[in-house]
Amino acid sequence: MLRKHLVEVIVGVVVAVLGAAVLAWLKFGGPEPGSTDPDLGSSVADALSDSAPPASGSPAPTTGGADPAAEGSTAAPQSAGTGLRPTSRLLYDDGANRATVTGLEVTTEGKLRVRLRYQSSAANGWSLSCPEPAADLRSSRLTLAGGKQVYPVDTYCTSQRPGEDFTLRSGAVLESWGVFPVVPPSGSEFSLTWYDLGTVEGLKL
């Protein structure tokens, strides 16, 4: 009995010593954390750091340039305010008779009223003719910056002398006009073609 008990004690001591040795080896002699396996070429820590998401509050990588909404935005054309803009642009001059654009008026109805002045210094005056209303309203036009043509909805001839021939006597002045159903944007150039008298380019509000 004594021998058997002694053997058990010795076996227990050997097991305890071996266990302590294994623990010591694992603690002091085992592989260091983060060591690199030469067969893999990178550590587990490196792999984790490459795939980790950005820290909270950090900007994520961007792939685009400027904001497409900002790129597509354009400044809207500025509308011209109501009122008269006096001007003096020669439309026609044959040495004795003259026609001049004297004003551009934006009406409260959102239309453009073009004012013109006829003057004659010819001995026999200036023979003028007003077409019938249907033809009259297709005899003059505005040409806007984009090339669109706009015809008047009312004129001096249509309102005052439809289909009439008359003579502007020497020294007399006739104030004529045409109303167009559009107001060009402020600062945008447009032209006026007035009957067969000619065209005035580069008008602006």
Protein backbone atom coordinates (compact mmCIF):
# COMPACT_ATOMS: atom_id res chain seq x y z
CA MET A 1 0.00 0.00 0.00
CA LEU A 2 2.82 2.39 0.87
CA ARG A 3 4.62 1.71 -2.42
CA LYS A 4 1.47 2.20 -4.45
CA HIS A 5 0.77 5.48 -2.72
CA LEU A 6 4.34 6.62 -3.38
CA VAL A 7 4.04 5.82 -7.08
CA GLU A 8 0.84 7.82 -7.30
CA VAL A 9 2.55 10.78 -5.63
CA ILE A 10 5.51 10.58 -8.05
CA VAL A 11 3.18 10.39 -11.07
CA GLY A 12 1.23 13.37 -9.78
CA VAL A 13 4.41 15.40 -9.35
CA VAL A 14 5.62 14.51 -12.87
CA VAL A 15 2.26 15.53 -14.39
CA ALA A 16 2.29 18.80 -12.45
CA VAL A 17 5.84 19.56 -13.57
CA LEU A 18 5.08 18.78 -17.19
CA GLY A 19 1.92 20.90 -17.04
CA ALA A 20 3.85 23.79 -15.56
CA ALA A 21 6.52 23.42 -18.23
CA VAL A 22 3.92 23.49 -21.02
CA LEU A 23 2.28 26.57 -19.55
CA ALA A 24 5.61 28.30 -19.22
CA TRP A 25 6.51 27.48 -22.81
CA LEU A 26 3.17 28.77 -24.05
CA LYS A 27 3.64 31.95 -22.05
CA PHE A 28 7.28 32.73 -22.74
CA GLY A 29 8.40 30.63 -25.65
CA GLY A 30 5.38 30.48 -27.95
CA PRO A 31 4.96 32.46 -31.18
CA GLU A 32 4.70 36.23 -30.73
CA PRO A 33 1.35 37.88 -31.53
CA GLY A 34 1.21 39.39 -34.96
CA SER A 35 4.15 37.31 -36.26
CA THR A 36 4.16 36.85 -39.98
CA ASP A 37 3.77 33.46 -41.56
CA PRO A 38 6.30 33.39 -44.42
CA ASP A 39 3.97 31.15 -46.43
CA LEU A 40 1.11 33.68 -46.29
CA GLY A 41 3.24 36.82 -46.81
CA SER A 42 1.20 38.99 -44.42
CA SER A 43 0.01 38.96 -40.83
CA VAL A 44 -3.56 38.55 -39.72
CA ALA A 45 -3.35 42.02 -38.16
CA ASP A 46 -2.38 43.52 -41.54
CA ALA A 47 -5.30 41.78 -43.25
CA LEU A 48 -7.71 43.10 -40.68
CA SER A 49 -6.37 46.66 -40.95
CA ASP A 50 -6.76 46.62 -44.76
CA SER A 51 -10.41 45.61 -44.62
CA ALA A 52 -11.49 47.66 -41.60
CA PRO A 53 -14.12 50.37 -42.30
CA PRO A 54 -13.17 54.04 -41.83
CA ALA A 55 -13.47 55.37 -38.32
CA SER A 56 -16.70 57.05 -37.34
CA GLY A 57 -16.70 60.66 -38.52
CA SER A 58 -14.03 60.11 -41.19
CA PRO A 59 -14.94 60.95 -44.79
CA ALA A 60 -15.32 57.95 -47.03
CA PRO A 61 -13.32 57.91 -50.26
CA THR A 62 -15.02 59.76 -53.13
CA THR A 63 -15.02 58.61 -56.75
CA GLY A 64 -16.68 61.56 -58.47
CA GLY A 65 -15.75 65.17 -59.11
CA ALA A 66 -18.05 68.12 -58.60
CA ASP A 67 -21.63 67.72 -57.51
CA PRO A 68 -23.64 66.84 -60.68
CA ALA A 69 -26.55 68.87 -59.39
CA ALA A 70 -24.30 71.92 -59.15
CA GLU A 71 -22.85 71.26 -62.62
CA GLY A 72 -26.27 71.11 -64.19
CA SER A 73 -27.56 74.28 -62.56
CA THR A 74 -27.63 77.41 -64.66
CA ALA A 75 -28.60 80.91 -63.81
CA ALA A 76 -32.10 81.74 -64.94
CA PRO A 77 -32.46 84.67 -67.37
CA GLN A 78 -33.33 87.90 -65.57
CA SER A 79 -36.67 89.40 -66.53
CA ALA A 80 -36.76 93.01 -67.62
CA GLY A 81 -38.83 95.29 -65.40
CA THR A 82 -41.77 97.28 -66.70
CA GLY A 83 -41.30 100.79 -68.06
CA LEU A 84 -39.94 102.74 -71.00
CA ARG A 85 -36.31 102.59 -72.14
CA PRO A 86 -35.68 105.57 -74.41
CA THR A 87 -33.30 104.91 -77.27
CA SER A 88 -32.30 106.38 -80.61
CA ARG A 89 -31.49 103.80 -83.29
CA LEU A 90 -31.70 104.72 -86.95
CA LEU A 91 -33.87 102.37 -88.97
CA TYR A 92 -34.18 104.17 -92.32
CA ASP A 93 -32.73 107.29 -93.94
CA ASP A 94 -32.91 108.17 -97.64
CA GLY A 95 -31.58 111.67 -97.17
CA ALA A 96 -35.03 113.26 -97.04
CA ASN A 97 -37.08 110.85 -94.93
CA ARG A 98 -36.03 109.11 -91.74
CA ALA A 99 -37.41 106.44 -89.38
CA THR A 100 -35.90 105.94 -85.92
CA VAL A 101 -36.54 103.52 -83.05
CA THR A 102 -37.10 105.86 -80.10
CA GLY A 103 -38.10 103.58 -77.24
CA LEU A 104 -38.58 100.04 -75.91
CA GLU A 105 -41.38 99.75 -73.38
CA VAL A 106 -42.15 96.70 -71.23
CA THR A 107 -45.87 96.83 -70.44
CA THR A 108 -47.60 95.62 -67.30
CA GLU A 109 -49.23 92.91 -69.47
CA GLY A 110 -45.82 91.38 -70.17
CA LYS A 111 -45.50 92.65 -73.74
CA LEU A 112 -42.92 94.75 -75.55
CA ARG A 113 -44.06 97.99 -77.18
CA VAL A 114 -41.56 99.33 -79.72
CA ARG A 115 -41.85 103.05 -80.44
CA LEU A 116 -40.78 104.57 -83.77
CA ARG A 117 -40.70 108.08 -85.20
CA TYR A 118 -41.15 109.00 -88.87
CA GLN A 119 -39.83 112.37 -90.05
CA SER A 120 -39.92 113.90 -93.53
CA SER A 121 -38.02 116.80 -95.00
CA ALA A 122 -38.90 116.03 -98.63
CA ALA A 123 -40.61 118.78 -100.61
CA ASN A 124 -43.53 116.53 -101.47
CA GLY A 125 -43.61 114.71 -98.16
CA TRP A 126 -43.31 110.96 -97.58
CA SER A 127 -45.83 108.62 -99.17
CA LEU A 128 -46.69 105.82 -96.72
CA SER A 129 -48.99 102.81 -96.86
CA CYS A 130 -50.59 100.63 -94.17
CA PRO A 131 -51.38 97.03 -95.16
CA GLU A 132 -54.64 95.32 -94.28
CA PRO A 133 -54.55 94.00 -90.68
CA ALA A 134 -53.84 90.34 -91.53
CA ALA A 135 -50.88 91.29 -93.72
CA ASP A 136 -49.79 94.10 -91.43
CA LEU A 137 -49.30 91.79 -88.47
CA ARG A 138 -46.91 89.66 -90.56
CA SER A 139 -44.93 92.57 -92.03
CA SER A 140 -42.69 93.26 -89.01
CA ARG A 141 -40.94 91.01 -86.51
CA LEU A 142 -38.53 90.64 -83.63
CA THR A 143 -35.70 88.11 -83.90
CA LEU A 144 -34.58 86.91 -80.48
CA ALA A 145 -31.09 85.77 -79.44
CA GLY A 146 -31.87 82.11 -80.16
CA GLY A 147 -33.19 82.90 -83.63
CA LYS A 148 -36.89 82.76 -82.75
CA GLN A 149 -39.04 85.23 -84.69
CA VAL A 150 -41.98 86.97 -83.01
CA TYR A 151 -44.64 88.96 -84.87
CA PRO A 152 -46.66 91.86 -83.46
CA VAL A 153 -50.15 91.51 -82.06
CA ASP A 154 -50.99 95.18 -82.62
CA THR A 155 -49.52 98.13 -84.56
CA TYR A 156 -50.21 101.75 -85.36
CA CYS A 157 -51.39 100.76 -88.84
CA THR A 158 -53.75 98.03 -87.61
CA SER A 159 -55.27 100.29 -84.96
CA GLN A 160 -55.28 103.68 -86.71
CA ARG A 161 -55.03 103.35 -90.51
CA PRO A 162 -55.77 99.75 -91.61
CA GLY A 163 -55.35 99.42 -95.40
CA GLU A 164 -54.84 103.18 -95.86
CA ASP A 165 -52.37 105.09 -98.05
CA PHE A 166 -51.37 108.56 -96.83
CA THR A 167 -48.63 111.18 -97.10
CA LEU A 168 -46.53 112.47 -94.22
CA ARG A 169 -46.05 116.11 -95.19
CA SER A 170 -42.66 117.81 -95.17
CA GLY A 171 -41.58 118.84 -91.67
CA ALA A 172 -44.18 116.60 -90.02
CA VAL A 173 -43.52 113.82 -87.50
CA LEU A 174 -45.45 110.57 -87.10
CA GLU A 175 -45.20 108.55 -83.89
CA SER A 176 -45.69 104.88 -84.77
CA TRP A 177 -45.48 101.70 -82.67
CA GLY A 178 -45.79 97.93 -82.59
CA VAL A 179 -46.70 95.63 -79.71
CA PHE A 180 -45.05 92.19 -79.47
CA PRO A 181 -46.24 89.36 -77.18
CA VAL A 182 -42.83 88.68 -75.69
CA VAL A 183 -40.29 90.47 -73.49
CA PRO A 184 -36.67 89.48 -74.26
CA PRO A 185 -34.55 88.74 -71.17
CA SER A 186 -32.70 91.70 -69.71
CA GLY A 187 -29.33 92.15 -71.42
CA SER A 188 -30.18 89.74 -74.24
CA GLU A 189 -29.71 91.14 -77.75
CA PHE A 190 -32.52 91.05 -80.31
CA SER A 191 -33.31 92.73 -83.61
CA LEU A 192 -36.31 94.53 -85.09
CA THR A 193 -37.32 94.26 -88.72
CA TRP A 194 -39.90 96.94 -89.51
CA TYR A 195 -41.89 96.51 -92.73
CA ASP A 196 -39.54 97.02 -95.69
CA LEU A 197 -37.68 99.91 -94.06
CA GLY A 198 -34.85 97.77 -92.66
CA THR A 199 -33.57 96.00 -89.54
CA VAL A 200 -32.07 97.34 -86.33
CA GLU A 201 -29.63 94.90 -84.73
CA GLY A 202 -28.32 94.66 -81.17
CA LEU A 203 -31.32 96.02 -79.27
CA LYS A 204 -31.34 95.35 -75.51
CA LEU A 205 -33.61 95.96 -72.55
